[in-house]
């Protein structure tokens, strides 16, 4: 399979995306570990009981963020900067309003929420759960705001800001937790407030770094268009449904362990799930990366890139998670002693974690595909897959113990992901009527999607000689596709001048670089796209500043722009993308 910039971008960005997920999850694990060590197993169980609500809190913050990411990545692919700014401004404004509203709502109804979780009023577990809920929920406003920004930073190729922010959250949360335990003695409420405070500090940093630098994306209240909210929400539903389904699955397993077992089983499940969540960061990091790159490729209507995304992410899903499963079975029990000194709970957690890990490969394949569907805006299908996974897990958790005993509940996840993967295979077969294991079938695109092969030419340019030969082919392409001699001459000239500019000025360091040029013909006319990984340079901005000069420097750029083509520059995937329409 032909490799494009997509593979390079995934390999470059995926480690930082996964690392951010891991650090954030470890932050939660450290909370649970410190809580268990210093506040007791019942306090850990209280955090576990709040997990479904926590998932919903994250879902509320994620839905607008995911919808924004999907809309903007597709708009980046199309080169529509105005659309990007309007979606982003609308998302940032409305997500803050929704999060404040939900925070107030949860705090007002915290008592009924605890009752809905199956807790008995006036018990110690009920009171501890209430404390954690009240302390954690106020982080929603800052969470909803800063979650909108990382996806846009990643699209532009900024893999540092989010990592810095999550490292700061991790460090501050530990510091605040220790202060709560040894100085303020605020109990479970203090542990939750420590997490909330660390998010607000990191949130200020993210906002500062985003708005203090020149970005493609611009925020302005004049861009806010409330009619867009419905579409943004619909595009974000897969992330919302995923978080909601995870919360409901956790609630179902908590309920099953309470009904067929005891609070000890709930504590063991909470500990195993906390450690398992660290390993699942690889799954959800790959899922988010899949959604981002798919949105860009879908906006560009690049059929081959969609197939490449599925191939690369499937390959990584199998190899990475196979290693994780082996490591879990060999060493997974080691971190469990951080949570409790109760040997019975440790033994139950160790066994449960091993069974929990068996789902990793299938779950990652499913989550990547659901996020692929999100990227191509087929979110309803993705939602159905997630719902199937939740229903089957919950049903197994309550039915299996009747025959196989309480320990069978641990197998709920592997049962649900197996059935869900079968569901995907059957769906693709039904939808395409073709081999469901072929990449061409899995992309779920009709034959009419994208620009047909006879309507484009693409070159990888390594030197001026290759560039000049490609320019001749470009001129012939224009003439053979209905363009007159003038258009053929202009587009060939644009290609030569701007290509030389990249080779001469963009690749000045000793690193190995790539330049691809694509000539396309669509219903509106001819499109010439340059994409390179050289020094960041916006020729549209350069022309705006220097168009009145007579200097020979960058004469080619001024000449091209003076001929009035429609030109758009985007820094997407940390790459220079220049699109010329004529």
Protein backbone atom coordinates (compact mmCIF):
# COMPACT_ATOMS: atom_id res chain seq x y z
CA UNK A 1 0.00 0.00 0.00
CA UNK A 2 1.32 3.42 -1.00
CA UNK A 3 2.37 5.51 2.01
CA UNK A 4 1.56 9.20 2.17
CA UNK A 5 2.16 11.93 4.72
CA UNK A 6 -0.63 10.31 6.77
CA UNK A 7 1.61 7.50 8.01
CA UNK A 8 4.37 9.95 8.91
CA UNK A 9 1.92 12.15 10.79
CA UNK A 10 0.45 9.21 12.73
CA UNK A 11 3.91 7.94 13.69
CA UNK A 12 4.95 11.43 14.79
CA UNK A 13 1.82 12.43 16.72
CA UNK A 14 0.54 9.14 18.14
CA UNK A 15 3.13 8.82 20.95
CA UNK A 16 2.27 12.26 22.35
CA UNK A 17 -1.49 11.61 22.08
CA UNK A 18 -1.15 8.29 23.91
CA UNK A 19 1.22 9.81 26.45
CA UNK A 20 -1.32 12.53 27.24
CA UNK A 21 -4.02 9.88 27.74
CA UNK A 22 -1.73 7.80 29.96
CA UNK A 23 -0.69 10.70 32.18
CA UNK A 24 -4.31 11.77 32.64
CA UNK A 25 -5.33 8.23 33.52
CA UNK A 26 -2.38 7.72 35.88
CA UNK A 27 -3.56 10.88 37.60
CA UNK A 28 -6.86 9.12 38.31
CA UNK A 29 -5.05 5.93 39.36
CA UNK A 30 -2.80 7.85 41.76
CA UNK A 31 -5.92 9.44 43.25
CA UNK A 32 -7.38 5.97 43.83
CA UNK A 33 -4.06 4.60 45.16
CA UNK A 34 -3.57 7.43 47.65
CA UNK A 35 -7.21 7.23 48.64
CA UNK A 36 -6.95 3.49 49.25
CA UNK A 37 -3.71 3.74 51.23
CA UNK A 38 -4.71 6.61 53.49
CA UNK A 39 -8.51 6.69 53.50
CA UNK A 40 -9.39 2.99 53.22
CA UNK A 41 -11.01 0.51 50.83
CA UNK A 42 -14.47 2.02 51.35
CA UNK A 43 -13.20 5.36 50.05
CA UNK A 44 -11.90 3.58 46.93
CA UNK A 45 -15.31 1.95 46.52
CA UNK A 46 -16.87 5.44 46.76
CA UNK A 47 -14.69 6.65 43.88
CA UNK A 48 -15.75 3.57 41.94
CA UNK A 49 -19.42 4.32 42.57
CA UNK A 50 -18.92 7.86 41.22
CA UNK A 51 -17.19 6.55 38.07
CA UNK A 52 -20.44 6.41 36.01
CA UNK A 53 -21.10 10.06 36.82
CA UNK A 54 -17.47 10.92 36.09
CA UNK A 55 -17.88 9.27 32.69
CA UNK A 56 -20.94 11.40 32.03
CA UNK A 57 -19.05 14.53 33.13
CA UNK A 58 -16.32 13.67 30.64
CA UNK A 59 -18.97 12.91 28.02
CA UNK A 60 -20.54 16.35 28.43
CA UNK A 61 -17.11 17.94 27.97
CA UNK A 62 -16.22 15.65 25.08
CA UNK A 63 -19.30 15.94 22.90
CA UNK A 64 -18.69 19.53 21.80
CA UNK A 65 -14.94 18.92 21.59
CA UNK A 66 -15.40 15.87 19.36
CA UNK A 67 -17.97 17.61 17.17
CA UNK A 68 -15.60 20.56 16.81
CA UNK A 69 -12.70 18.24 15.95
CA UNK A 70 -14.69 16.36 13.30
CA UNK A 71 -16.05 19.53 11.69
CA UNK A 72 -12.71 21.35 11.75
CA UNK A 73 -10.61 18.42 10.51
CA UNK A 74 -12.94 18.02 7.51
CA UNK A 75 -12.80 21.80 6.93
CA UNK A 76 -8.99 21.68 7.15
CA UNK A 77 -9.06 19.01 4.44
CA UNK A 78 -11.18 21.30 2.26
CA UNK A 79 -9.00 24.33 3.05
CA UNK A 80 -12.03 26.26 4.34
CA UNK A 81 -10.54 28.59 6.98
CA UNK A 82 -13.74 30.59 7.42
CA UNK A 83 -15.66 27.41 8.28
CA UNK A 84 -12.97 26.41 10.79
CA UNK A 85 -13.17 29.75 12.62
CA UNK A 86 -16.97 29.73 12.78
CA UNK A 87 -17.17 26.16 14.08
CA UNK A 88 -14.41 26.74 16.63
CA UNK A 89 -15.84 30.02 17.96
CA UNK A 90 -19.32 28.53 18.25
CA UNK A 91 -18.01 25.42 20.00
CA UNK A 92 -15.87 27.28 22.53
CA UNK A 93 -18.68 29.65 23.50
CA UNK A 94 -21.52 27.16 23.79
CA UNK A 95 -19.49 24.39 25.47
CA UNK A 96 -18.73 26.70 28.39
CA UNK A 97 -22.41 27.55 28.79
CA UNK A 98 -23.48 23.87 28.69
CA UNK A 99 -20.82 22.79 31.18
CA UNK A 100 -21.77 25.46 33.73
CA UNK A 101 -25.42 24.45 33.38
CA UNK A 102 -24.65 20.75 33.88
CA UNK A 103 -22.41 21.48 36.86
CA UNK A 104 -25.18 23.35 38.64
CA UNK A 105 -27.69 20.63 37.77
CA UNK A 106 -25.55 17.78 39.15
CA UNK A 107 -24.73 19.67 42.34
CA UNK A 108 -28.41 20.42 42.99
CA UNK A 109 -29.44 16.79 42.45
CA UNK A 110 -26.38 15.09 43.97
CA UNK A 111 -28.49 13.28 46.59
CA UNK A 112 -30.94 11.70 44.08
CA UNK A 113 -27.97 10.80 41.86
CA UNK A 114 -26.39 8.81 44.69
CA UNK A 115 -29.71 7.04 45.23
CA UNK A 116 -29.83 6.16 41.53
CA UNK A 117 -26.38 4.59 41.89
CA UNK A 118 -27.94 2.01 44.22
CA UNK A 119 -26.56 3.39 47.49
CA UNK A 120 -28.37 3.27 50.81
CA UNK A 121 -28.89 6.71 52.45
CA UNK A 122 -27.04 7.55 55.67
CA UNK A 123 -24.44 4.81 55.15
CA UNK A 124 -20.74 5.60 55.13
CA UNK A 125 -20.42 4.63 51.45
CA UNK A 126 -23.32 6.96 50.56
CA UNK A 127 -21.71 9.93 52.37
CA UNK A 128 -18.26 9.31 50.88
CA UNK A 129 -19.71 9.03 47.39
CA UNK A 130 -21.60 12.30 47.89
CA UNK A 131 -18.40 14.06 48.99
CA UNK A 132 -16.43 12.89 45.96
CA UNK A 133 -19.25 13.88 43.61
CA UNK A 134 -19.50 17.41 45.03
CA UNK A 135 -15.74 17.95 44.86
CA UNK A 136 -15.20 16.59 41.35
CA UNK A 137 -18.07 17.99 39.28
CA UNK A 138 -16.98 21.70 39.49
CA UNK A 139 -14.07 20.99 37.12
CA UNK A 140 -16.55 20.67 34.22
CA UNK A 141 -16.37 24.31 33.00
CA UNK A 142 -12.58 24.42 32.59
CA UNK A 143 -12.54 20.84 31.27
CA UNK A 144 -15.10 21.67 28.59
CA UNK A 145 -13.06 24.65 27.43
CA UNK A 146 -9.58 23.14 27.32
CA UNK A 147 -10.83 19.90 25.70
CA UNK A 148 -11.80 21.89 22.62
CA UNK A 149 -8.26 23.12 22.05
CA UNK A 150 -5.95 20.03 21.93
CA UNK A 151 -7.56 18.52 18.81
CA UNK A 152 -7.04 21.76 16.89
CA UNK A 153 -3.46 21.98 18.13
CA UNK A 154 -2.86 18.41 16.96
CA UNK A 155 -4.32 19.16 13.53
CA UNK A 156 -1.79 21.99 13.24
CA UNK A 157 0.93 19.58 14.44
CA UNK A 158 1.43 21.04 17.95
CA UNK A 159 2.17 17.95 20.05
CA UNK A 160 3.70 19.82 23.01
CA UNK A 161 1.00 22.01 24.55
CA UNK A 162 -1.32 19.18 25.54
CA UNK A 163 1.52 17.06 26.93
CA UNK A 164 2.76 19.97 29.04
CA UNK A 165 -0.76 20.56 30.34
CA UNK A 166 -1.41 16.95 31.35
CA UNK A 167 2.01 16.65 33.00
CA UNK A 168 1.15 19.76 35.01
CA UNK A 169 -2.20 18.24 36.00
CA UNK A 170 -0.43 15.03 37.06
CA UNK A 171 2.19 16.78 39.20
CA UNK A 172 -0.21 19.27 40.79
CA UNK A 173 -2.81 16.61 41.53
CA UNK A 174 -0.27 14.53 43.46
CA UNK A 175 0.97 17.60 45.35
CA UNK A 176 -2.57 18.71 46.22
CA UNK A 177 -3.56 15.15 47.21
CA UNK A 178 -0.64 14.91 49.61
CA UNK A 179 -1.44 18.34 51.06
CA UNK A 180 -5.03 17.22 51.55
CA UNK A 181 -3.99 14.00 53.31
CA UNK A 182 -1.24 15.33 55.57
CA UNK A 183 -2.11 19.01 56.06
CA UNK A 184 -5.79 19.79 55.44
CA UNK A 185 -7.19 16.30 56.15
CA UNK A 186 -10.13 16.97 53.87
CA UNK A 187 -10.95 13.31 53.24
CA UNK A 188 -12.59 12.18 49.99
CA UNK A 189 -13.97 15.68 49.35
CA UNK A 190 -10.44 17.11 49.52
CA UNK A 191 -9.13 14.48 47.10
CA UNK A 192 -11.77 15.44 44.56
CA UNK A 193 -11.11 19.15 45.02
CA UNK A 194 -7.37 18.55 44.50
CA UNK A 195 -8.11 17.13 41.07
CA UNK A 196 -10.44 20.01 40.24
CA UNK A 197 -7.89 22.65 41.24
CA UNK A 198 -5.09 21.02 39.22
CA UNK A 199 -7.30 21.15 36.10
CA UNK A 200 -7.95 24.87 36.53
CA UNK A 201 -4.23 25.66 36.81
CA UNK A 202 -3.40 23.60 33.70
CA UNK A 203 -6.38 25.08 31.86
CA UNK A 204 -5.01 28.58 32.24
CA UNK A 205 -1.73 27.38 30.72
CA UNK A 206 -3.44 25.81 27.69
CA UNK A 207 -5.51 28.94 27.06
CA UNK A 208 -2.43 31.14 27.31
CA UNK A 209 -0.36 29.01 24.90
CA UNK A 210 -3.22 28.79 22.41
CA UNK A 211 -4.10 32.47 22.26
CA UNK A 212 -0.56 33.87 22.64
CA UNK A 213 0.67 32.36 19.35
CA UNK A 214 -0.26 32.88 15.74
CA UNK A 215 -2.69 30.12 14.72
CA UNK A 216 -4.65 29.21 11.63
CA UNK A 217 -7.70 29.03 13.88
CA UNK A 218 -9.08 32.34 15.16
CA UNK A 219 -11.68 32.93 17.90
CA UNK A 220 -14.18 35.77 17.73
CA UNK A 221 -17.67 36.26 19.11
CA UNK A 222 -18.68 37.59 15.68
CA UNK A 223 -18.12 34.07 14.32
CA UNK A 224 -20.53 32.47 16.81
CA UNK A 225 -23.52 30.99 14.96
CA UNK A 226 -25.90 29.13 17.24
CA UNK A 227 -27.60 27.27 14.40
CA UNK A 228 -24.36 25.28 14.04
CA UNK A 229 -24.67 23.81 17.55
CA UNK A 230 -27.05 21.05 16.46
CA UNK A 231 -24.65 19.82 13.78
CA UNK A 232 -21.61 20.07 16.09
CA UNK A 233 -23.46 18.07 18.73
CA UNK A 234 -24.45 15.43 16.20
CA UNK A 235 -20.85 15.07 15.04
CA UNK A 236 -19.74 14.70 18.66
CA UNK A 237 -22.24 12.01 19.60
CA UNK A 238 -19.85 9.04 19.12
CA UNK A 239 -17.54 10.41 21.83
CA UNK A 240 -20.51 11.22 24.05
CA UNK A 241 -22.09 7.82 23.49
CA UNK A 242 -18.74 6.11 24.13
CA UNK A 243 -18.24 7.86 27.46
CA UNK A 244 -21.89 7.29 28.37
CA UNK A 245 -21.65 3.61 27.43
CA UNK A 246 -18.46 3.18 29.43
CA UNK A 247 -20.18 4.76 32.42
CA UNK A 248 -23.26 2.56 32.03
CA UNK A 249 -21.12 -0.56 31.60
CA UNK A 250 -19.18 0.28 34.76
CA UNK A 251 -22.44 0.92 36.62
CA UNK A 252 -23.83 -2.43 35.40
CA UNK A 253 -20.74 -4.34 36.51
CA UNK A 254 -20.70 -2.50 39.85
CA UNK A 255 -24.36 -3.45 40.33
CA UNK A 256 -23.71 -7.07 39.34
CA UNK A 257 -20.76 -7.38 41.72
CA UNK A 258 -22.87 -5.89 44.53
CA UNK A 259 -25.82 -8.19 43.79
CA UNK A 260 -23.90 -11.44 43.36
CA UNK A 261 -20.84 -10.59 45.46
CA UNK A 262 -20.06 -7.81 47.96
CA UNK A 263 -18.45 -4.40 48.40
CA UNK A 264 -15.10 -6.23 48.33
CA UNK A 265 -15.78 -7.24 44.74
CA UNK A 266 -16.65 -3.64 43.85
CA UNK A 267 -13.36 -2.45 45.37
CA UNK A 268 -11.43 -5.17 43.48
CA UNK A 269 -13.18 -4.28 40.22
CA UNK A 270 -12.49 -0.56 40.75
CA UNK A 271 -8.77 -1.23 41.32
CA UNK A 272 -8.46 -3.59 38.33
CA UNK A 273 -10.34 -1.14 36.12
CA UNK A 274 -8.12 1.77 37.24
CA UNK A 275 -4.95 -0.08 36.22
CA UNK A 276 -6.67 -1.41 33.09
CA UNK A 277 -7.66 2.12 32.14
CA UNK A 278 -3.97 3.07 31.91
CA UNK A 279 -3.45 0.33 29.34
CA UNK A 280 -6.63 1.31 27.50
CA UNK A 281 -5.07 4.73 26.91
CA UNK A 282 -3.35 3.17 23.91
CA UNK A 283 -6.80 2.19 22.62
CA UNK A 284 -8.41 5.60 23.05
CA UNK A 285 -5.31 7.51 21.95
CA UNK A 286 -5.30 5.55 18.69
CA UNK A 287 -9.03 6.16 18.38
CA UNK A 288 -8.65 9.94 18.65
CA UNK A 289 -5.78 9.93 16.19
CA UNK A 290 -7.92 7.91 13.77
CA UNK A 291 -10.74 10.45 13.97
CA UNK A 292 -8.42 13.41 13.35
CA UNK A 293 -6.58 12.05 10.32
CA UNK A 294 -9.77 10.56 8.88
CA UNK A 295 -11.50 13.94 9.04
CA UNK A 296 -8.65 15.58 7.13
CA UNK A 297 -8.52 12.82 4.50
CA UNK A 298 -12.31 12.85 4.16
CA UNK A 299 -12.32 16.62 3.65
CA UNK A 300 -9.78 16.14 0.87
CA UNK A 301 -11.79 13.18 -0.48
CA UNK A 302 -8.63 11.06 -0.53
CA UNK A 303 -9.80 7.47 -0.99
CA UNK A 304 -6.32 5.94 -0.77
CA UNK A 305 -5.55 7.85 2.42
CA UNK A 306 -8.70 6.48 4.08
CA UNK A 307 -7.59 2.94 3.29
CA UNK A 308 -4.10 3.72 4.54
CA UNK A 309 -5.49 5.05 7.84
CA UNK A 310 -7.44 1.85 8.49
CA UNK A 311 -4.46 -0.30 7.53
CA UNK A 312 -1.96 1.57 9.72
CA UNK A 313 -4.24 1.80 12.75
CA UNK A 314 -5.29 -1.86 12.50
CA UNK A 315 -1.68 -2.93 12.32
CA UNK A 316 -0.77 -0.83 15.34
CA UNK A 317 -3.85 -2.04 17.26
CA UNK A 318 -2.79 -5.66 17.00
CA UNK A 319 0.94 -5.27 17.62
CA UNK A 320 0.77 -2.76 20.48
CA UNK A 321 -2.04 -4.49 22.35
CA UNK A 322 -0.51 -7.94 21.97
CA UNK A 323 2.51 -6.61 23.85
CA UNK A 324 0.25 -5.01 26.47
CA UNK A 325 -1.62 -8.27 27.09
CA UNK A 326 1.63 -10.20 27.60
CA UNK A 327 2.99 -7.53 29.97
CA UNK A 328 -0.27 -7.50 31.92
CA UNK A 329 -0.21 -11.26 32.47
CA UNK A 330 3.45 -11.14 33.51
CA UNK A 331 3.61 -7.96 35.60
CA UNK A 332 0.08 -6.52 35.85
CA UNK A 333 -0.38 -7.45 39.49
CA UNK A 334 2.57 -5.36 40.71
CA UNK A 335 0.81 -1.95 40.83
CA UNK A 336 -2.19 -3.35 42.73
CA UNK A 337 -0.41 -3.21 46.11
CA UNK A 338 -0.44 0.57 45.78
CA UNK A 339 -4.22 0.60 46.26
CA UNK A 340 -4.77 -1.59 49.29
CA UNK A 341 -3.06 -3.92 51.75
CA UNK A 342 -6.02 -6.35 51.79
CA UNK A 343 -4.59 -9.54 50.27
CA UNK A 344 -7.99 -10.87 49.24
CA UNK A 345 -8.78 -7.72 47.25
CA UNK A 346 -5.30 -7.79 45.66
CA UNK A 347 -5.75 -11.40 44.53
CA UNK A 348 -9.21 -10.72 43.10
CA UNK A 349 -7.95 -7.58 41.33
CA UNK A 350 -4.94 -9.40 39.86
CA UNK A 351 -7.12 -12.10 38.33
CA UNK A 352 -9.71 -9.61 37.14
CA UNK A 353 -7.01 -7.45 35.47
CA UNK A 354 -5.72 -10.44 33.48
CA UNK A 355 -9.21 -11.18 32.17
CA UNK A 356 -9.81 -7.46 31.59
CA UNK A 357 -6.71 -7.29 29.34
CA UNK A 358 -7.99 -9.97 26.94
CA UNK A 359 -10.32 -7.42 25.36
CA UNK A 360 -7.57 -4.98 24.35
CA UNK A 361 -7.00 -5.97 20.71
CA UNK A 362 -10.68 -6.26 19.79
CA UNK A 363 -11.67 -3.12 21.70
CA UNK A 364 -8.95 -1.04 20.02
CA UNK A 365 -9.96 -2.27 16.55
CA UNK A 366 -13.58 -1.36 17.37
CA UNK A 367 -12.78 2.08 18.85
CA UNK A 368 -10.52 2.97 15.91
CA UNK A 369 -13.28 1.99 13.48
CA UNK A 370 -15.93 3.90 15.42
CA UNK A 371 -13.67 6.97 15.30
CA UNK A 372 -13.04 6.38 11.60
CA UNK A 373 -16.81 6.49 11.13
CA UNK A 374 -16.85 9.71 13.15
CA UNK A 375 -14.22 11.18 10.82
CA UNK A 376 -16.31 10.42 7.71
CA UNK A 377 -19.43 11.71 9.54
CA UNK A 378 -21.15 8.29 9.71
CA UNK A 379 -21.67 8.78 13.42
CA UNK A 380 -25.00 6.93 13.68
CA UNK A 381 -23.36 3.64 12.70
CA UNK A 382 -20.59 4.26 15.24
CA UNK A 383 -23.17 4.94 17.95
CA UNK A 384 -24.98 1.69 17.19
CA UNK A 385 -21.72 -0.27 17.55
CA UNK A 386 -21.03 1.31 20.95
CA UNK A 387 -24.58 0.62 22.14
CA UNK A 388 -24.32 -3.02 21.06
CA UNK A 389 -21.08 -3.31 23.04
CA UNK A 390 -22.72 -1.84 26.16
CA UNK A 391 -25.90 -3.90 26.05
CA UNK A 392 -24.03 -7.18 25.57
CA UNK A 393 -21.61 -6.40 28.44
CA UNK A 394 -24.42 -5.46 30.84
CA UNK A 395 -26.55 -8.46 29.87
CA UNK A 396 -23.66 -10.87 30.33
CA UNK A 397 -22.80 -9.34 33.73
CA UNK A 398 -26.26 -10.11 35.13
CA UNK A 399 -26.99 -13.37 33.30
CA UNK A 400 -23.68 -15.25 33.44
CA UNK A 401 -23.42 -15.37 37.28
CA UNK A 402 -26.70 -17.30 37.45
CA UNK A 403 -24.89 -20.26 35.89
CA UNK A 404 -21.17 -19.65 36.30
CA UNK A 405 -20.97 -17.67 39.55
CA UNK A 406 -19.86 -14.16 40.45
CA UNK A 407 -16.35 -14.53 38.95
CA UNK A 408 -17.84 -14.84 35.46
CA UNK A 409 -18.69 -11.10 35.58
CA UNK A 410 -15.02 -10.40 34.81
CA UNK A 411 -15.54 -11.86 31.32
CA UNK A 412 -18.23 -9.31 30.39
CA UNK A 413 -15.84 -7.07 28.45
CA UNK A 414 -14.27 -9.76 26.27
CA UNK A 415 -17.74 -11.16 25.52
CA UNK A 416 -19.09 -7.77 24.45
CA UNK A 417 -16.16 -6.75 22.23
CA UNK A 418 -16.19 -10.12 20.46
CA UNK A 419 -19.87 -9.78 19.59
CA UNK A 420 -19.38 -6.14 18.57
CA UNK A 421 -16.56 -7.02 16.18
CA UNK A 422 -18.76 -9.68 14.60
CA UNK A 423 -21.50 -7.05 14.30
CA UNK A 424 -19.11 -4.73 12.39
CA UNK A 425 -18.11 -7.50 9.99
CA UNK A 426 -21.73 -8.37 9.26
CA UNK A 427 -22.64 -4.69 8.85
CA UNK A 428 -19.85 -4.04 6.31
CA UNK A 429 -20.84 -7.18 4.40
CA UNK A 430 -24.50 -6.09 4.31
CA UNK A 431 -23.68 -2.48 3.37
CA UNK A 432 -21.12 -3.15 0.63
CA UNK A 433 -22.13 -6.64 -0.54
CA UNK A 434 -18.39 -7.30 -0.81
CA UNK A 435 -15.60 -8.93 1.19
CA UNK A 436 -15.88 -7.27 4.64
CA UNK A 437 -12.15 -7.78 5.32
CA UNK A 438 -11.00 -5.75 2.28
CA UNK A 439 -9.85 -2.17 2.91
CA UNK A 440 -11.92 -1.00 -0.07
CA UNK A 441 -15.06 -2.35 1.65
CA UNK A 442 -14.19 -1.11 5.13
CA UNK A 443 -13.92 2.54 4.08
CA UNK A 444 -17.69 2.45 3.33
CA UNK A 445 -17.41 4.83 0.39
CA UNK A 446 -19.24 4.52 -2.95
CA UNK A 447 -17.32 4.29 -6.21
CA UNK A 448 -18.22 7.93 -6.95
CA UNK A 449 -16.42 9.21 -3.82
CA UNK A 450 -13.39 11.40 -4.37
CA UNK A 451 -11.66 12.43 -7.55
CA UNK A 452 -11.34 9.56 -10.00
CA UNK A 453 -7.82 8.46 -10.95
CA UNK A 454 -8.13 9.81 -14.48
CA UNK A 455 -8.82 13.29 -13.06
CA UNK A 456 -5.63 13.81 -11.07
CA UNK A 457 -1.88 13.41 -11.23
CA UNK A 458 0.43 13.33 -8.19
CA UNK A 459 4.19 13.59 -7.97
CA UNK A 460 6.75 13.26 -5.20
CA UNK A 461 9.38 15.90 -5.96
CA UNK A 462 12.97 15.44 -4.83
CA UNK A 463 14.88 17.87 -7.06
CA UNK A 464 14.46 20.63 -9.65
CA UNK A 465 14.94 18.26 -12.58
CA UNK A 466 12.04 16.06 -11.42
CA UNK A 467 9.98 19.21 -10.85
CA UNK A 468 10.50 20.51 -14.40
CA UNK A 469 9.55 17.18 -15.96
CA UNK A 470 6.43 17.07 -13.78
CA UNK A 471 5.49 20.60 -14.88
CA UNK A 472 5.43 19.44 -18.51
CA UNK A 473 3.10 16.58 -17.58
CA UNK A 474 0.93 19.01 -15.63
CA UNK A 475 0.52 21.23 -18.69
CA UNK A 476 -0.46 18.24 -20.83
CA UNK A 477 -2.92 17.16 -18.11
CA UNK A 478 -4.63 20.56 -18.13
CA UNK A 479 -5.01 20.55 -21.91
CA UNK A 480 -6.31 16.98 -21.98
CA UNK A 481 -8.95 17.87 -19.36
CA UNK A 482 -10.53 20.84 -21.08
CA UNK A 483 -8.14 23.61 -20.09
CA UNK A 484 -6.94 26.16 -22.63
CA UNK A 485 -3.32 27.01 -23.38
CA UNK A 486 -3.36 29.93 -20.93
CA UNK A 487 -4.49 27.78 -17.99
CA UNK A 488 -1.97 25.10 -18.91
CA UNK A 489 0.81 27.68 -19.00
CA UNK A 490 -0.24 29.37 -15.73
CA UNK A 491 -0.66 26.19 -13.70
CA UNK A 492 2.62 24.80 -14.99
CA UNK A 493 4.29 28.10 -14.11
CA UNK A 494 2.74 28.16 -10.63
CA UNK A 495 3.91 24.61 -10.07
CA UNK A 496 7.47 25.37 -11.15
CA UNK A 497 7.91 28.64 -9.24
CA UNK A 498 6.35 27.51 -5.97
CA UNK A 499 7.98 24.08 -6.18
CA UNK A 500 11.41 25.68 -6.61
CA UNK A 501 10.66 27.93 -3.65
CA UNK A 502 10.02 24.92 -1.42
CA UNK A 503 13.11 23.03 -2.63
CA UNK A 504 15.36 26.09 -2.28
CA UNK A 505 14.09 27.66 0.95
CA UNK A 506 11.97 25.08 2.74
CA UNK A 507 14.51 22.25 2.85
CA UNK A 508 17.58 24.10 4.12
CA UNK A 509 18.37 21.87 7.10
CA UNK A 510 20.02 18.44 6.91
CA UNK A 511 16.84 16.47 7.60
CA UNK A 512 15.21 14.33 4.96
CA UNK A 513 12.13 16.11 3.60
CA UNK A 514 9.23 15.35 1.30
CA UNK A 515 7.34 17.49 -1.22
CA UNK A 516 4.27 16.21 -3.01
CA UNK A 517 2.36 18.10 -5.69
CA UNK A 518 -1.09 17.08 -6.85
CA UNK A 519 -2.93 18.39 -9.89
CA UNK A 520 -6.70 17.80 -9.87
CA UNK A 521 -9.67 18.53 -12.11
CA UNK A 522 -13.12 18.86 -10.56
CA UNK A 523 -16.43 20.44 -11.58
CA UNK A 524 -15.27 23.90 -10.51
CA UNK A 525 -11.95 23.88 -12.34
CA UNK A 526 -8.32 22.93 -11.70
CA UNK A 527 -6.74 22.55 -8.26
CA UNK A 528 -3.01 22.50 -7.57
CA UNK A 529 -1.99 21.32 -4.09
CA UNK A 530 1.51 21.53 -2.59
CA UNK A 531 2.29 19.63 0.62
CA UNK A 532 5.70 19.57 2.30
CA UNK A 533 7.30 19.01 5.70
CA UNK A 534 9.87 21.77 5.41
CA UNK A 535 10.23 25.04 7.30
CA UNK A 536 6.84 26.58 8.06
CA UNK A 537 6.19 29.29 5.50
CA UNK A 538 2.94 30.98 4.54
CA UNK A 539 3.36 32.49 1.05
CA UNK A 540 -0.02 34.23 1.28
CA UNK A 541 1.17 36.17 4.33
CA UNK A 542 4.52 36.85 2.66
CA UNK A 543 2.79 38.28 -0.41
CA UNK A 544 0.50 40.43 1.71
CA UNK A 545 3.53 42.02 3.39
CA UNK A 546 5.90 42.27 0.39
CA UNK A 547 3.65 42.67 -2.66
CA UNK A 548 4.68 46.28 -3.20
CA UNK A 549 8.43 45.57 -3.24
CA UNK A 550 10.61 45.29 -6.35
CA UNK A 551 13.22 43.00 -4.80
CA UNK A 552 14.27 39.91 -6.77
CA UNK A 553 13.92 37.82 -3.62
CA UNK A 554 10.93 35.46 -3.88
CA UNK A 555 9.98 37.06 -7.18
CA UNK A 556 8.21 33.81 -8.12
CA UNK A 557 5.77 34.08 -5.22
CA UNK A 558 4.85 37.68 -6.05
CA UNK A 559 4.46 36.79 -9.71
CA UNK A 560 2.12 33.87 -8.97
CA UNK A 561 -0.07 35.86 -6.61
CA UNK A 562 -0.22 38.86 -8.92
CA UNK A 563 -2.04 36.68 -11.46
CA UNK A 564 -4.97 36.44 -9.04
CA UNK A 565 -5.52 32.71 -8.54
CA UNK A 566 -7.54 31.59 -5.50
CA UNK A 567 -4.86 30.63 -2.96
CA UNK A 568 -5.25 29.09 0.50
CA UNK A 569 -2.45 28.21 2.94
CA UNK A 570 -2.95 25.88 5.90
CA UNK A 571 -0.54 24.44 8.44
CA UNK A 572 -2.17 21.02 8.76
CA UNK A 573 -0.54 17.99 10.42
CA UNK A 574 2.54 20.20 10.98
CA UNK A 575 2.86 20.37 7.18
CA UNK A 576 2.78 23.28 4.76
CA UNK A 577 -0.35 22.94 2.60
CA UNK A 578 -0.84 25.36 -0.27
CA UNK A 579 -3.97 25.05 -2.42
CA UNK A 580 -4.33 26.97 -5.69
CA UNK A 581 -7.60 27.01 -7.63
CA UNK A 582 -7.93 28.29 -11.18
